[in-house]
C-alpha atoms as a PDB file:
ATOM      1  CA  MET A   1     110.007 -28.344-118.406  1.00  0.00           C
ATOM      2  CA  ARG A   2     109.481 -27.402-114.783  1.00  0.00           C
ATOM      3  CA  SER A   3     106.336 -25.370-115.358  1.00  0.00           C
ATOM      4  CA  SER A   4     104.439 -28.175-117.094  1.00  0.00           C
ATOM      5  CA  PRO A   5     105.743 -31.739-116.814  1.00  0.00           C
ATOM      6  CA  ARG A   6     102.801 -32.951-118.889  1.00  0.00           C
ATOM      7  CA  PHE A   7     103.674 -30.631-121.785  1.00  0.00           C
ATOM      8  CA  HIS A   8     107.361 -31.524-121.497  1.00  0.00           C
ATOM      9  CA  ARG A   9     106.556 -35.239-121.638  1.00  0.00           C
ATOM     10  CA  TRP A  10     104.316 -34.732-124.686  1.00  0.00           C
ATOM     11  CA  LEU A  11     106.995 -32.690-126.445  1.00  0.00           C
ATOM     12  CA  SER A  12     109.751 -35.182-125.587  1.00  0.00           C
ATOM     13  CA  GLU A  13     107.698 -38.099-126.909  1.00  0.00           C
ATOM     14  CA  HIS A  14     106.627 -36.271-130.076  1.00  0.00           C
ATOM     15  CA  PRO A  15     107.908 -38.031-133.233  1.00  0.00           C
ATOM     16  CA  THR A  16     109.228 -34.811-134.778  1.00  0.00           C
ATOM     17  CA  PHE A  17     110.327 -32.718-131.810  1.00  0.00           C
ATOM     18  CA  GLY A  18     111.422 -35.528-129.477  1.00  0.00           C
ATOM     19  CA  PRO A  19     114.735 -36.378-131.200  1.00  0.00           C
ATOM     20  CA  ILE A  20     115.613 -32.694-131.542  1.00  0.00           C
ATOM     21  CA  ILE A  21     115.006 -32.054-127.840  1.00  0.00           C
ATOM     22  CA  SER A  22     116.842 -35.230-126.872  1.00  0.00           C
ATOM     23  CA  ASN A  23     119.908 -34.234-128.924  1.00  0.00           C
ATOM     24  CA  TRP A  24     119.897 -30.800-127.333  1.00  0.00           C
ATOM     25  CA  HIS A  25     119.588 -32.107-123.768  1.00  0.00           C
ATOM     26  CA  GLN A  26     122.194 -34.851-124.202  1.00  0.00           C
ATOM     27  CA  HIS A  27     124.763 -33.222-126.486  1.00  0.00           C
ATOM     28  CA  ARG A  28     123.900 -29.511-126.669  1.00  0.00           C
ATOM     29  CA  ALA A  29     123.897 -29.960-130.452  1.00  0.00           C
ATOM     30  CA  VAL A  30     121.491 -30.104-133.400  1.00  0.00           C
ATOM     31  CA  SER A  31     121.556 -32.087-136.627  1.00  0.00           C
ATOM     32  CA  GLN A  32     122.582 -30.475-139.893  1.00  0.00           C
ATOM     33  CA  LYS A  33     119.021 -30.831-141.187  1.00  0.00           C
ATOM     34  CA  VAL A  34     117.599 -28.978-138.161  1.00  0.00           C
ATOM     35  CA  LYS A  35     120.202 -26.263-138.558  1.00  0.00           C
ATOM     36  CA  LEU A  36     119.370 -25.762-142.233  1.00  0.00           C
ATOM     37  CA  ARG A  37     115.603 -25.738-141.662  1.00  0.00           C
ATOM     38  CA  GLY A  38     115.953 -23.366-138.718  1.00  0.00           C
ATOM     39  CA  ALA A  39     118.094 -20.923-140.690  1.00  0.00           C
ATOM     40  CA  ILE A  40     115.631 -20.946-143.605  1.00  0.00           C
ATOM     41  CA  VAL A  41     112.652 -20.309-141.313  1.00  0.00           C
ATOM     42  CA  MET A  42     114.482 -17.499-139.510  1.00  0.00           C
ATOM     43  CA  VAL A  43     115.452 -15.761-142.749  1.00  0.00           C
ATOM     44  CA  ALA A  44     111.932 -16.161-144.163  1.00  0.00           C
ATOM     45  CA  SER A  45     110.177 -14.843-141.064  1.00  0.00           C
ATOM     46  CA  PHE A  46     112.549 -11.911-140.581  1.00  0.00           C
ATOM     47  CA  SER A  47     112.332 -11.061-144.305  1.00  0.00           C
ATOM     48  CA  PHE A  48     108.551 -10.978-144.083  1.00  0.00           C
ATOM     49  CA  SER A  49     108.723  -8.803-140.964  1.00  0.00           C
ATOM     50  CA  ILE A  50     111.198  -6.429-142.594  1.00  0.00           C
ATOM     51  CA  TYR A  51     108.917  -6.172-145.628  1.00  0.00           C
ATOM     52  CA  ILE A  52     105.821  -5.444-143.494  1.00  0.00           C
ATOM     53  CA  VAL A  53     107.310  -2.913-141.048  1.00  0.00           C
ATOM     54  CA  PRO A  54     106.751   0.674-142.230  1.00  0.00           C
ATOM     55  CA  HIS A  55     109.674   2.421-140.472  1.00  0.00           C
ATOM     56  CA  ASP A  56     113.249   2.248-141.771  1.00  0.00           C
ATOM     57  CA  TRP A  57     114.797   2.223-138.283  1.00  0.00           C
ATOM     58  CA  LEU A  58     112.715  -0.848-137.385  1.00  0.00           C
ATOM     59  CA  LYS A  59     113.835  -2.565-140.587  1.00  0.00           C
ATOM     60  CA  ILE A  60     117.455  -1.909-139.644  1.00  0.00           C
ATOM     61  CA  MET A  61     116.909  -3.240-136.123  1.00  0.00           C
ATOM     62  CA  LEU A  62     115.248  -6.395-137.476  1.00  0.00           C
ATOM     63  CA  ALA A  63     118.145  -6.915-139.888  1.00  0.00           C
ATOM     64  CA  VAL A  64     120.661  -6.526-137.048  1.00  0.00           C
ATOM     65  CA  MET A  65     118.682  -8.959-134.882  1.00  0.00           C
ATOM     66  CA  LEU A  66     118.620 -11.462-137.767  1.00  0.00           C
ATOM     67  CA  VAL A  67     122.386 -11.263-138.201  1.00  0.00           C
ATOM     68  CA  VAL A  68     122.985 -11.735-134.468  1.00  0.00           C
ATOM     69  CA  LEU A  69     120.534 -14.628-134.197  1.00  0.00           C
ATOM     70  CA  LEU A  70     121.839 -16.379-137.306  1.00  0.00           C
ATOM     71  CA  SER A  71     125.459 -15.996-136.216  1.00  0.00           C
ATOM     72  CA  TRP A  72     124.601 -17.663-132.901  1.00  0.00           C
ATOM     73  CA  PHE A  73     122.488 -20.375-134.518  1.00  0.00           C
ATOM     74  CA  ILE A  74     125.022 -21.249-137.230  1.00  0.00           C
ATOM     75  CA  ARG A  75     127.729 -21.702-134.582  1.00  0.00           C
ATOM     76  CA  LEU A  76     125.768 -24.369-132.687  1.00  0.00           C
ATOM     77  CA  PRO A  77     127.536 -27.733-132.699  1.00  0.00           C
ATOM     78  CA  VAL A  78     126.274 -30.329-135.175  1.00  0.00           C
ATOM     79  CA  ILE A  79     125.608 -33.881-134.058  1.00  0.00           C
ATOM     80  CA  GLU A  80     126.295 -36.537-136.633  1.00  0.00           C
ATOM     81  CA  GLN A  81     123.540 -38.969-137.487  1.00  0.00           C
ATOM     82  CA  LEU A  82     124.378 -42.602-136.837  1.00  0.00           C
ATOM     83  CA  ALA A  83     123.145 -45.293-139.210  1.00  0.00           C
ATOM     84  CA  ASP A  84     121.639 -47.487-136.484  1.00  0.00           C
ATOM     85  CA  GLN A  85     119.745 -44.657-134.746  1.00  0.00           C
ATOM     86  CA  GLU A  86     116.412 -43.093-135.565  1.00  0.00           C
ATOM     87  CA  GLU A  87     116.763 -40.122-137.885  1.00  0.00           C
ATOM     88  CA  ASN A  88     117.483 -36.873-136.079  1.00  0.00           C
ATOM     89  CA  HIS A  89     114.970 -34.472-137.530  1.00  0.00           C
END
């Protein structure tokens, strides 16, 4: 945000990312849909990385990192969507 105000403005006004960023800045929370999509993408990307990496110790480290990251991400507060507001992606 401070390094590039132009990029921050573009991201904040983006139709997909804008509501997510706004919810985070205002409420420090994400919608249930964002939480579900984020968890799926994390599991998919870490699973692919674990499959590709040739060393067992790296696979274990990636699995541990996934568990730590998911446990943090799942514990984020959820903001409820209101009927009169734009959908929180």
